[in-house]
Amino acid sequence: MSLETGPENISDLSHQVEHKAKMKIRARKRGKINIWTNIGLFGIVGWAVAIPTLLGIALGVYLDKYWEGEHSWTISFLVIGILLGCVNAWYWVSRENENMTKDMEDD
């Protein structure tokens, strides 16, 4: 196994070291990310889906009780709530991803 020390390999190595050093500096600025932070983020995405779903179910039950039809309003608004919740979660996650990418580019 030979170690090549040509100019392109040294340049590539220096870029890798610089990138890792910047990542460590960013991590120190932000503070430690522990398991509770990750669980909190996971919980936020979960609630972003759960709240519209529960609101859809509540509206569907209300409509089924007072305005009967040949189709179940509860099932219809359950599906609508899930879809809106998934769109909401997708938007939130993509926005956070853009913020993280922007922070990395700024550093």
PDB file of N, CA and C in Angstrom:
ATOM      1  N   MET A   1       0.847  -1.174   0.000  1.00  0.00           N
ATOM      2  CA  MET A   1       0.000   0.000   0.000  1.00  0.00           C
ATOM      3  C   MET A   1       0.891   1.235   0.000  1.00  0.00           C
ATOM      4  N   SER A   2       0.735   2.061  -0.992  1.00  0.00           N
ATOM      5  CA  SER A   2       1.580   3.247  -1.092  1.00  0.00           C
ATOM      6  C   SER A   2       0.755   4.489  -0.795  1.00  0.00           C
ATOM      7  N   LEU A   3       1.393   5.430  -0.196  1.00  0.00           N
ATOM      8  CA  LEU A   3       0.756   6.708   0.105  1.00  0.00           C
ATOM      9  C   LEU A   3       1.209   7.719  -0.932  1.00  0.00           C
ATOM     10  N   GLU A   4       0.282   8.189  -1.703  1.00  0.00           N
ATOM     11  CA  GLU A   4       0.624   9.186  -2.717  1.00  0.00           C
ATOM     12  C   GLU A   4       0.533  10.566  -2.082  1.00  0.00           C
ATOM     13  N   THR A   5       1.541  11.355  -2.295  1.00  0.00           N
ATOM     14  CA  THR A   5       1.562  12.693  -1.714  1.00  0.00           C
ATOM     15  C   THR A   5       1.670  13.753  -2.799  1.00  0.00           C
ATOM     16  N   GLY A   6       0.977  13.507  -3.893  1.00  0.00           N
ATOM     17  CA  GLY A   6       0.983  14.489  -4.970  1.00  0.00           C
ATOM     18  C   GLY A   6       0.192  15.721  -4.559  1.00  0.00           C
ATOM     19  N   PRO A   7       0.298  16.807  -5.314  1.00  0.00           N
ATOM     20  CA  PRO A   7      -0.384  18.057  -4.978  1.00  0.00           C
ATOM     21  C   PRO A   7      -1.900  17.906  -4.887  1.00  0.00           C
ATOM     22  N   GLU A   8      -2.495  17.082  -5.781  1.00  0.00           N
ATOM     23  CA  GLU A   8      -3.950  16.939  -5.745  1.00  0.00           C
ATOM     24  C   GLU A   8      -4.409  16.179  -4.506  1.00  0.00           C
ATOM     25  N   ASN A   9      -3.635  15.212  -4.036  1.00  0.00           N
ATOM     26  CA  ASN A   9      -3.997  14.457  -2.836  1.00  0.00           C
ATOM     27  C   ASN A   9      -3.855  15.314  -1.582  1.00  0.00           C
ATOM     28  N   ILE A  10      -2.822  16.142  -1.514  1.00  0.00           N
ATOM     29  CA  ILE A  10      -2.639  17.025  -0.366  1.00  0.00           C
ATOM     30  C   ILE A  10      -3.745  18.065  -0.332  1.00  0.00           C
ATOM     31  N   SER A  11      -4.104  18.587  -1.487  1.00  0.00           N
ATOM     32  CA  SER A  11      -5.184  19.570  -1.570  1.00  0.00           C
ATOM     33  C   SER A  11      -6.502  18.952  -1.133  1.00  0.00           C
ATOM     34  N   ASP A  12      -6.796  17.732  -1.586  1.00  0.00           N
ATOM     35  CA  ASP A  12      -8.026  17.039  -1.209  1.00  0.00           C
ATOM     36  C   ASP A  12      -8.058  16.786   0.291  1.00  0.00           C
ATOM     37  N   LEU A  13      -6.952  16.357   0.854  1.00  0.00           N
ATOM     38  CA  LEU A  13      -6.868  16.116   2.284  1.00  0.00           C
ATOM     39  C   LEU A  13      -7.081  17.400   3.073  1.00  0.00           C
ATOM     40  N   SER A  14      -6.499  18.492   2.620  1.00  0.00           N
ATOM     41  CA  SER A  14      -6.667  19.759   3.331  1.00  0.00           C
ATOM     42  C   SER A  14      -8.115  20.225   3.294  1.00  0.00           C
ATOM     43  N   HIS A  15      -8.817  19.984   2.174  1.00  0.00           N
ATOM     44  CA  HIS A  15     -10.236  20.345   2.094  1.00  0.00           C
ATOM     45  C   HIS A  15     -11.065  19.498   3.059  1.00  0.00           C
ATOM     46  N   GLN A  16     -10.743  18.218   3.160  1.00  0.00           N
ATOM     47  CA  GLN A  16     -11.468  17.343   4.078  1.00  0.00           C
ATOM     48  C   GLN A  16     -11.256  17.770   5.532  1.00  0.00           C
ATOM     49  N   VAL A  17     -10.020  18.071   5.877  1.00  0.00           N
ATOM     50  CA  VAL A  17      -9.712  18.508   7.243  1.00  0.00           C
ATOM     51  C   VAL A  17     -10.409  19.828   7.543  1.00  0.00           C
ATOM     52  N   GLU A  18     -10.389  20.743   6.595  1.00  0.00           N
ATOM     53  CA  GLU A  18     -11.040  22.042   6.780  1.00  0.00           C
ATOM     54  C   GLU A  18     -12.546  21.860   6.973  1.00  0.00           C
ATOM     55  N   HIS A  19     -13.156  20.990   6.176  1.00  0.00           N
ATOM     56  CA  HIS A  19     -14.595  20.740   6.284  1.00  0.00           C
ATOM     57  C   HIS A  19     -14.947  20.160   7.655  1.00  0.00           C
ATOM     58  N   LYS A  20     -14.170  19.186   8.119  1.00  0.00           N
ATOM     59  CA  LYS A  20     -14.445  18.581   9.424  1.00  0.00           C
ATOM     60  C   LYS A  20     -14.228  19.577  10.556  1.00  0.00           C
ATOM     61  N   ALA A  21     -13.233  20.429  10.422  1.00  0.00           N
ATOM     62  CA  ALA A  21     -12.999  21.450  11.450  1.00  0.00           C
ATOM     63  C   ALA A  21     -14.162  22.434  11.512  1.00  0.00           C
ATOM     64  N   LYS A  22     -14.684  22.836  10.356  1.00  0.00           N
ATOM     65  CA  LYS A  22     -15.836  23.735  10.336  1.00  0.00           C
ATOM     66  C   LYS A  22     -17.061  23.081  10.965  1.00  0.00           C
ATOM     67  N   MET A  23     -17.246  21.780  10.687  1.00  0.00           N
ATOM     68  CA  MET A  23     -18.384  21.068  11.274  1.00  0.00           C
ATOM     69  C   MET A  23     -18.275  21.021  12.795  1.00  0.00           C
ATOM     70  N   LYS A  24     -17.085  20.818  13.316  1.00  0.00           N
ATOM     71  CA  LYS A  24     -16.892  20.783  14.765  1.00  0.00           C
ATOM     72  C   LYS A  24     -17.151  22.153  15.386  1.00  0.00           C
ATOM     73  N   ILE A  25     -16.711  23.203  14.720  1.00  0.00           N
ATOM     74  CA  ILE A  25     -16.937  24.564  15.227  1.00  0.00           C
ATOM     75  C   ILE A  25     -18.426  24.868  15.254  1.00  0.00           C
ATOM     76  N   ARG A  26     -19.150  24.500  14.200  1.00  0.00           N
ATOM     77  CA  ARG A  26     -20.606  24.706  14.165  1.00  0.00           C
ATOM     78  C   ARG A  26     -21.296  23.934  15.279  1.00  0.00           C
ATOM     79  N   ALA A  27     -20.857  22.709  15.502  1.00  0.00           N
ATOM     80  CA  ALA A  27     -21.460  21.897  16.550  1.00  0.00           C
ATOM     81  C   ALA A  27     -21.232  22.517  17.927  1.00  0.00           C
ATOM     82  N   ARG A  28     -20.069  23.074  18.146  1.00  0.00           N
ATOM     83  CA  ARG A  28     -19.796  23.718  19.431  1.00  0.00           C
ATOM     84  C   ARG A  28     -20.634  24.968  19.623  1.00  0.00           C
ATOM     85  N   LYS A  29     -20.854  25.720  18.533  1.00  0.00           N
ATOM     86  CA  LYS A  29     -21.672  26.928  18.620  1.00  0.00           C
ATOM     87  C   LYS A  29     -23.123  26.590  18.958  1.00  0.00           C
ATOM     88  N   ARG A  30     -23.624  25.519  18.363  1.00  0.00           N
ATOM     89  CA  ARG A  30     -25.021  25.134  18.570  1.00  0.00           C
ATOM     90  C   ARG A  30     -25.241  24.433  19.894  1.00  0.00           C
ATOM     91  N   GLY A  31     -24.225  23.893  20.474  1.00  0.00           N
ATOM     92  CA  GLY A  31     -24.383  23.129  21.702  1.00  0.00           C
ATOM     93  C   GLY A  31     -24.576  21.659  21.368  1.00  0.00           C
ATOM     94  N   LYS A  32     -24.643  20.873  22.413  1.00  0.00           N
ATOM     95  CA  LYS A  32     -24.762  19.435  22.222  1.00  0.00           C
ATOM     96  C   LYS A  32     -26.176  19.074  21.793  1.00  0.00           C
ATOM     97  N   ILE A  33     -26.250  18.163  20.843  1.00  0.00           N
ATOM     98  CA  ILE A  33     -27.533  17.590  20.432  1.00  0.00           C
ATOM     99  C   ILE A  33     -27.592  16.211  21.063  1.00  0.00           C
ATOM    100  N   ASN A  34     -28.534  16.042  21.965  1.00  0.00           N
ATOM    101  CA  ASN A  34     -28.629  14.768  22.656  1.00  0.00           C
ATOM    102  C   ASN A  34     -29.881  14.020  22.204  1.00  0.00           C
ATOM    103  N   ILE A  35     -30.126  12.903  22.821  1.00  0.00           N
ATOM    104  CA  ILE A  35     -31.261  12.056  22.449  1.00  0.00           C
ATOM    105  C   ILE A  35     -32.582  12.789  22.647  1.00  0.00           C
ATOM    106  N   TRP A  36     -32.675  13.640  23.657  1.00  0.00           N
ATOM    107  CA  TRP A  36     -33.933  14.347  23.926  1.00  0.00           C
ATOM    108  C   TRP A  36     -34.247  15.356  22.828  1.00  0.00           C
ATOM    109  N   THR A  37     -33.221  15.952  22.266  1.00  0.00           N
ATOM    110  CA  THR A  37     -33.434  16.872  21.147  1.00  0.00           C
ATOM    111  C   THR A  37     -34.005  16.124  19.948  1.00  0.00           C
ATOM    112  N   ASN A  38     -33.421  14.971  19.657  1.00  0.00           N
ATOM    113  CA  ASN A  38     -33.908  14.176  18.531  1.00  0.00           C
ATOM    114  C   ASN A  38     -35.323  13.658  18.772  1.00  0.00           C
ATOM    115  N   ILE A  39     -35.617  13.239  19.994  1.00  0.00           N
ATOM    116  CA  ILE A  39     -36.968  12.796  20.321  1.00  0.00           C
ATOM    117  C   ILE A  39     -37.944  13.960  20.196  1.00  0.00           C
ATOM    118  N   GLY A  40     -37.516  15.140  20.610  1.00  0.00           N
ATOM    119  CA  GLY A  40     -38.368  16.318  20.479  1.00  0.00           C
ATOM    120  C   GLY A  40     -38.684  16.643  19.032  1.00  0.00           C
ATOM    121  N   LEU A  41     -37.679  16.555  18.164  1.00  0.00           N
ATOM    122  CA  LEU A  41     -37.905  16.802  16.742  1.00  0.00           C
ATOM    123  C   LEU A  41     -38.835  15.759  16.145  1.00  0.00           C
ATOM    124  N   PHE A  42     -38.643  14.512  16.534  1.00  0.00           N
ATOM    125  CA  PHE A  42     -39.516  13.443  16.066  1.00  0.00           C
ATOM    126  C   PHE A  42     -40.943  13.685  16.543  1.00  0.00           C
ATOM    127  N   GLY A  43     -41.088  14.143  17.789  1.00  0.00           N
ATOM    128  CA  GLY A  43     -42.412  14.431  18.337  1.00  0.00           C
ATOM    129  C   GLY A  43     -43.111  15.568  17.617  1.00  0.00           C
ATOM    130  N   ILE A  44     -42.362  16.581  17.230  1.00  0.00           N
ATOM    131  CA  ILE A  44     -42.954  17.711  16.511  1.00  0.00           C
ATOM    132  C   ILE A  44     -43.519  17.257  15.166  1.00  0.00           C
ATOM    133  N   VAL A  45     -42.772  16.416  14.466  1.00  0.00           N
ATOM    134  CA  VAL A  45     -43.261  15.894  13.186  1.00  0.00           C
ATOM    135  C   VAL A  45     -44.495  15.024  13.421  1.00  0.00           C
ATOM    136  N   GLY A  46     -44.481  14.235  14.478  1.00  0.00           N
ATOM    137  CA  GLY A  46     -45.645  13.402  14.800  1.00  0.00           C
ATOM    138  C   GLY A  46     -46.884  14.225  15.091  1.00  0.00           C
ATOM    139  N   TRP A  47     -46.720  15.281  15.887  1.00  0.00           N
ATOM    140  CA  TRP A  47     -47.862  16.143  16.190  1.00  0.00           C
ATOM    141  C   TRP A  47     -48.330  16.910  14.967  1.00  0.00           C
ATOM    142  N   ALA A  48     -47.402  17.204  14.050  1.00  0.00           N
ATOM    143  CA  ALA A  48     -47.788  17.904  12.819  1.00  0.00           C
ATOM    144  C   ALA A  48     -48.749  17.061  11.987  1.00  0.00           C
ATOM    145  N   VAL A  49     -48.677  15.740  12.135  1.00  0.00           N
ATOM    146  CA  VAL A  49     -49.613  14.850  11.445  1.00  0.00           C
ATOM    147  C   VAL A  49     -50.828  14.560  12.330  1.00  0.00           C
ATOM    148  N   ALA A  50     -50.601  14.374  13.617  1.00  0.00           N
ATOM    149  CA  ALA A  50     -51.678  13.946  14.521  1.00  0.00           C
ATOM    150  C   ALA A  50     -52.758  15.011  14.708  1.00  0.00           C
ATOM    151  N   ILE A  51     -52.378  16.264  14.854  1.00  0.00           N
ATOM    152  CA  ILE A  51     -53.371  17.311  15.132  1.00  0.00           C
ATOM    153  C   ILE A  51     -54.363  17.479  13.978  1.00  0.00           C
ATOM    154  N   PRO A  52     -53.923  17.636  12.719  1.00  0.00           N
ATOM    155  CA  PRO A  52     -54.919  17.724  11.638  1.00  0.00           C
ATOM    156  C   PRO A  52     -55.771  16.454  11.513  1.00  0.00           C
ATOM    157  N   THR A  53     -55.173  15.293  11.800  1.00  0.00           N
ATOM    158  CA  THR A  53     -55.938  14.049  11.735  1.00  0.00           C
ATOM    159  C   THR A  53     -57.041  14.038  12.788  1.00  0.00           C
ATOM    160  N   LEU A  54     -56.701  14.412  14.023  1.00  0.00           N
ATOM    161  CA  LEU A  54     -57.704  14.433  15.089  1.00  0.00           C
ATOM    162  C   LEU A  54     -58.777  15.484  14.837  1.00  0.00           C
ATOM    163  N   LEU A  55     -58.379  16.629  14.318  1.00  0.00           N
ATOM    164  CA  LEU A  55     -59.368  17.653  13.981  1.00  0.00           C
ATOM    165  C   LEU A  55     -60.297  17.179  12.866  1.00  0.00           C
ATOM    166  N   GLY A  56     -59.754  16.459  11.895  1.00  0.00           N
ATOM    167  CA  GLY A  56     -60.569  15.897  10.826  1.00  0.00           C
ATOM    168  C   GLY A  56     -61.558  14.873  11.353  1.00  0.00           C
ATOM    169  N   ILE A  57     -61.119  14.021  12.271  1.00  0.00           N
ATOM    170  CA  ILE A  57     -62.018  13.040  12.870  1.00  0.00           C
ATOM    171  C   ILE A  57     -63.130  13.737  13.649  1.00  0.00           C
ATOM    172  N   ALA A  58     -62.772  14.741  14.438  1.00  0.00           N
ATOM    173  CA  ALA A  58     -63.777  15.461  15.230  1.00  0.00           C
ATOM    174  C   ALA A  58     -64.818  16.124  14.327  1.00  0.00           C
ATOM    175  N   LEU A  59     -64.362  16.759  13.267  1.00  0.00           N
ATOM    176  CA  LEU A  59     -65.293  17.388  12.328  1.00  0.00           C
ATOM    177  C   LEU A  59     -66.174  16.336  11.653  1.00  0.00           C
ATOM    178  N   GLY A  60     -65.589  15.203  11.281  1.00  0.00           N
ATOM    179  CA  GLY A  60     -66.352  14.127  10.655  1.00  0.00           C
ATOM    180  C   GLY A  60     -67.403  13.542  11.575  1.00  0.00           C
ATOM    181  N   VAL A  61     -67.050  13.339  12.850  1.00  0.00           N
ATOM    182  CA  VAL A  61     -68.027  12.818  13.812  1.00  0.00           C
ATOM    183  C   VAL A  61     -69.166  13.809  13.988  1.00  0.00           C
ATOM    184  N   TYR A  62     -68.844  15.089  14.075  1.00  0.00           N
ATOM    185  CA  TYR A  62     -69.875  16.123  14.216  1.00  0.00           C
ATOM    186  C   TYR A  62     -70.817  16.117  13.016  1.00  0.00           C
ATOM    187  N   LEU A  63     -70.236  16.072  11.810  1.00  0.00           N
ATOM    188  CA  LEU A  63     -71.069  16.068  10.606  1.00  0.00           C
ATOM    189  C   LEU A  63     -71.898  14.785  10.491  1.00  0.00           C
ATOM    190  N   ASP A  64     -71.337  13.638  10.868  1.00  0.00           N
ATOM    191  CA  ASP A  64     -72.105  12.390  10.844  1.00  0.00           C
ATOM    192  C   ASP A  64     -73.281  12.441  11.820  1.00  0.00           C
ATOM    193  N   LYS A  65     -73.087  13.121  12.933  1.00  0.00           N
ATOM    194  CA  LYS A  65     -74.140  13.193  13.945  1.00  0.00           C
ATOM    195  C   LYS A  65     -75.292  14.094  13.498  1.00  0.00           C
ATOM    196  N   TYR A  66     -74.967  15.230  12.875  1.00  0.00           N
ATOM    197  CA  TYR A  66     -75.996  16.222  12.553  1.00  0.00           C
ATOM    198  C   TYR A  66     -76.387  16.277  11.078  1.00  0.00           C
ATOM    199  N   TRP A  67     -75.620  15.665  10.201  1.00  0.00           N
ATOM    200  CA  TRP A  67     -75.932  15.737   8.784  1.00  0.00           C
ATOM    201  C   TRP A  67     -75.583  14.398   8.138  1.00  0.00           C
ATOM    202  N   GLU A  68     -76.528  13.505   8.222  1.00  0.00           N
ATOM    203  CA  GLU A  68     -76.297  12.159   7.719  1.00  0.00           C
ATOM    204  C   GLU A  68     -76.298  12.153   6.197  1.00  0.00           C
ATOM    205  N   GLY A  69     -75.483  11.316   5.643  1.00  0.00           N
ATOM    206  CA  GLY A  69     -75.397  11.165   4.203  1.00  0.00           C
ATOM    207  C   GLY A  69     -75.127   9.712   3.876  1.00  0.00           C
ATOM    208  N   GLU A  70     -74.964   9.421   2.608  1.00  0.00           N
ATOM    209  CA  GLU A  70     -74.718   8.037   2.242  1.00  0.00           C
ATOM    210  C   GLU A  70     -73.259   7.632   2.457  1.00  0.00           C
ATOM    211  N   HIS A  71     -72.375   8.615   2.651  1.00  0.00           N
ATOM    212  CA  HIS A  71     -70.962   8.339   2.920  1.00  0.00           C
ATOM    213  C   HIS A  71     -70.614   8.814   4.331  1.00  0.00           C
ATOM    214  N   SER A  72     -69.613   8.193   4.900  1.00  0.00           N
ATOM    215  CA  SER A  72     -69.169   8.557   6.244  1.00  0.00           C
ATOM    216  C   SER A  72     -68.295   9.808   6.191  1.00  0.00           C
ATOM    217  N   TRP A  73     -68.741  10.855   6.877  1.00  0.00           N
ATOM    218  CA  TRP A  73     -67.948  12.076   6.965  1.00  0.00           C
ATOM    219  C   TRP A  73     -66.686  11.838   7.794  1.00  0.00           C
ATOM    220  N   THR A  74     -66.786  10.970   8.776  1.00  0.00           N
ATOM    221  CA  THR A  74     -65.630  10.705   9.645  1.00  0.00           C
ATOM    222  C   THR A  74     -64.469  10.133   8.843  1.00  0.00           C
ATOM    223  N   ILE A  75     -64.754   9.144   8.001  1.00  0.00           N
ATOM    224  CA  ILE A  75     -63.689   8.543   7.189  1.00  0.00           C
ATOM    225  C   ILE A  75     -63.144   9.568   6.201  1.00  0.00           C
ATOM    226  N   SER A  76     -64.033  10.341   5.597  1.00  0.00           N
ATOM    227  CA  SER A  76     -63.598  11.337   4.614  1.00  0.00           C
ATOM    228  C   SER A  76     -62.661  12.354   5.248  1.00  0.00           C
ATOM    229  N   PHE A  77     -63.054  12.895   6.397  1.00  0.00           N
ATOM    230  CA  PHE A  77     -62.215  13.903   7.040  1.00  0.00           C
ATOM    231  C   PHE A  77     -61.004  13.300   7.729  1.00  0.00           C
ATOM    232  N   LEU A  78     -61.060  12.009   8.052  1.00  0.00           N
ATOM    233  CA  LEU A  78     -59.869  11.322   8.549  1.00  0.00           C
ATOM    234  C   LEU A  78     -58.798  11.315   7.460  1.00  0.00           C
ATOM    235  N   VAL A  79     -59.185  10.937   6.255  1.00  0.00           N
ATOM    236  CA  VAL A  79     -58.235  10.904   5.137  1.00  0.00           C
ATOM    237  C   VAL A  79     -57.722  12.308   4.829  1.00  0.00           C
ATOM    238  N   ILE A  80     -58.628  13.287   4.803  1.00  0.00           N
ATOM    239  CA  ILE A  80     -58.213  14.673   4.541  1.00  0.00           C
ATOM    240  C   ILE A  80     -57.256  15.157   5.627  1.00  0.00           C
ATOM    241  N   GLY A  81     -57.548  14.836   6.892  1.00  0.00           N
ATOM    242  CA  GLY A  81     -56.672  15.232   7.997  1.00  0.00           C
ATOM    243  C   GLY A  81     -55.293  14.613   7.886  1.00  0.00           C
ATOM    244  N   ILE A  82     -55.239  13.330   7.523  1.00  0.00           N
ATOM    245  CA  ILE A  82     -53.939  12.664   7.356  1.00  0.00           C
ATOM    246  C   ILE A  82     -53.151  13.311   6.220  1.00  0.00           C
ATOM    247  N   LEU A  83     -53.826  13.568   5.103  1.00  0.00           N
ATOM    248  CA  LEU A  83     -53.133  14.202   3.966  1.00  0.00           C
ATOM    249  C   LEU A  83     -52.611  15.590   4.327  1.00  0.00           C
ATOM    250  N   LEU A  84     -53.456  16.395   4.983  1.00  0.00           N
ATOM    251  CA  LEU A  84     -53.002  17.725   5.398  1.00  0.00           C
ATOM    252  C   LEU A  84     -51.857  17.635   6.403  1.00  0.00           C
ATOM    253  N   GLY A  85     -51.930  16.677   7.314  1.00  0.00           N
ATOM    254  CA  GLY A  85     -50.859  16.486   8.289  1.00  0.00           C
ATOM    255  C   GLY A  85     -49.544  16.096   7.632  1.00  0.00           C
ATOM    256  N   CYS A  86     -49.618  15.214   6.633  1.00  0.00           N
ATOM    257  CA  CYS A  86     -48.396  14.803   5.929  1.00  0.00           C
ATOM    258  C   CYS A  86     -47.791  15.963   5.155  1.00  0.00           C
ATOM    259  N   VAL A  87     -48.638  16.772   4.524  1.00  0.00           N
ATOM    260  CA  VAL A  87     -48.140  17.955   3.816  1.00  0.00           C
ATOM    261  C   VAL A  87     -47.507  18.923   4.812  1.00  0.00           C
ATOM    262  N   ASN A  88     -48.146  19.096   5.960  1.00  0.00           N
ATOM    263  CA  ASN A  88     -47.629  19.969   7.010  1.00  0.00           C
ATOM    264  C   ASN A  88     -46.263  19.476   7.501  1.00  0.00           C
ATOM    265  N   ALA A  89     -46.147  18.181   7.760  1.00  0.00           N
ATOM    266  CA  ALA A  89     -44.876  17.617   8.225  1.00  0.00           C
ATOM    267  C   ALA A  89     -43.800  17.748   7.154  1.00  0.00           C
ATOM    268  N   TRP A  90     -44.161  17.489   5.893  1.00  0.00           N
ATOM    269  CA  TRP A  90     -43.197  17.617   4.798  1.00  0.00           C
ATOM    270  C   TRP A  90     -42.685  19.048   4.696  1.00  0.00           C
ATOM    271  N   TYR A  91     -43.594  20.002   4.808  1.00  0.00           N
ATOM    272  CA  TYR A  91     -43.203  21.412   4.741  1.00  0.00           C
ATOM    273  C   TYR A  91     -42.257  21.761   5.886  1.00  0.00           C
ATOM    274  N   TRP A  92     -42.584  21.312   7.105  1.00  0.00           N
ATOM    275  CA  TRP A  92     -41.771  21.626   8.283  1.00  0.00           C
ATOM    276  C   TRP A  92     -40.379  21.014   8.155  1.00  0.00           C
ATOM    277  N   VAL A  93     -40.311  19.757   7.744  1.00  0.00           N
ATOM    278  CA  VAL A  93     -39.008  19.079   7.614  1.00  0.00           C
ATOM    279  C   VAL A  93     -38.181  19.718   6.505  1.00  0.00           C
ATOM    280  N   SER A  94     -38.808  20.057   5.383  1.00  0.00           N
ATOM    281  CA  SER A  94     -38.044  20.687   4.291  1.00  0.00           C
ATOM    282  C   SER A  94     -37.549  22.068   4.691  1.00  0.00           C
ATOM    283  N   ARG A  95     -38.342  22.809   5.465  1.00  0.00           N
ATOM    284  CA  ARG A  95     -37.909  24.124   5.940  1.00  0.00           C
ATOM    285  C   ARG A  95     -36.722  23.998   6.889  1.00  0.00           C
ATOM    286  N   GLU A  96     -36.773  23.018   7.792  1.00  0.00           N
ATOM    287  CA  GLU A  96     -35.649  22.794   8.702  1.00  0.00           C
ATOM    288  C   GLU A  96     -34.402  22.355   7.931  1.00  0.00           C
ATOM    289  N   ASN A  97     -34.586  21.538   6.919  1.00  0.00           N
ATOM    290  CA  ASN A  97     -33.455  21.105   6.102  1.00  0.00           C
ATOM    291  C   ASN A  97     -32.827  22.287   5.381  1.00  0.00           C
ATOM    292  N   GLU A  98     -33.656  23.185   4.849  1.00  0.00           N
ATOM    293  CA  GLU A  98     -33.125  24.386   4.187  1.00  0.00           C
ATOM    294  C   GLU A  98     -32.356  25.260   5.172  1.00  0.00           C
ATOM    295  N   ASN A  99     -32.862  25.400   6.387  1.00  0.00           N
ATOM    296  CA  ASN A  99     -32.167  26.195   7.405  1.00  0.00           C
ATOM    297  C   ASN A  99     -30.822  25.584   7.754  1.00  0.00           C
ATOM    298  N   MET A 100     -30.770  24.253   7.879  1.00  0.00           N
ATOM    299  CA  MET A 100     -29.509  23.595   8.193  1.00  0.00           C
ATOM    300  C   MET A 100     -28.512  23.756   7.051  1.00  0.00           C
ATOM    301  N   THR A 101     -28.994  23.620   5.820  1.00  0.00           N
ATOM    302  CA  THR A 101     -28.123  23.789   4.659  1.00  0.00           C
ATOM    303  C   THR A 101     -27.605  25.201   4.574  1.00  0.00           C
ATOM    304  N   LYS A 102     -28.484  26.180   4.833  1.00  0.00           N
ATOM    305  CA  LYS A 102     -28.080  27.585   4.798  1.00  0.00           C
ATOM    306  C   LYS A 102     -27.030  27.875   5.879  1.00  0.00           C
ATOM    307  N   ASP A 103     -27.225  27.297   7.089  1.00  0.00           N
ATOM    308  CA  ASP A 103     -26.247  27.492   8.160  1.00  0.00           C
ATOM    309  C   ASP A 103     -24.890  26.920   7.771  1.00  0.00           C
ATOM    310  N   MET A 104     -24.890  25.779   7.110  1.00  0.00           N
ATOM    311  CA  MET A 104     -23.615  25.172   6.709  1.00  0.00           C
ATOM    312  C   MET A 104     -22.913  26.014   5.641  1.00  0.00           C
ATOM    313  N   GLU A 105     -23.714  26.577   4.731  1.00  0.00           N
ATOM    314  CA  GLU A 105     -23.113  27.397   3.683  1.00  0.00           C
ATOM    315  C   GLU A 105     -22.594  28.717   4.231  1.00  0.00           C
ATOM    316  N   ASP A 106     -23.274  29.279   5.248  1.00  0.00           N
ATOM    317  CA  ASP A 106     -22.844  30.533   5.825  1.00  0.00           C
ATOM    318  C   ASP A 106     -21.519  30.396   6.557  1.00  0.00           C
ATOM    319  N   ASP A 107     -21.297  29.237   7.148  1.00  0.00           N
ATOM    320  CA  ASP A 107     -20.044  29.029   7.874  1.00  0.00           C
ATOM    321  C   ASP A 107     -18.934  28.766   6.893  1.00  0.00           C
TER     322      ASP A 107
END
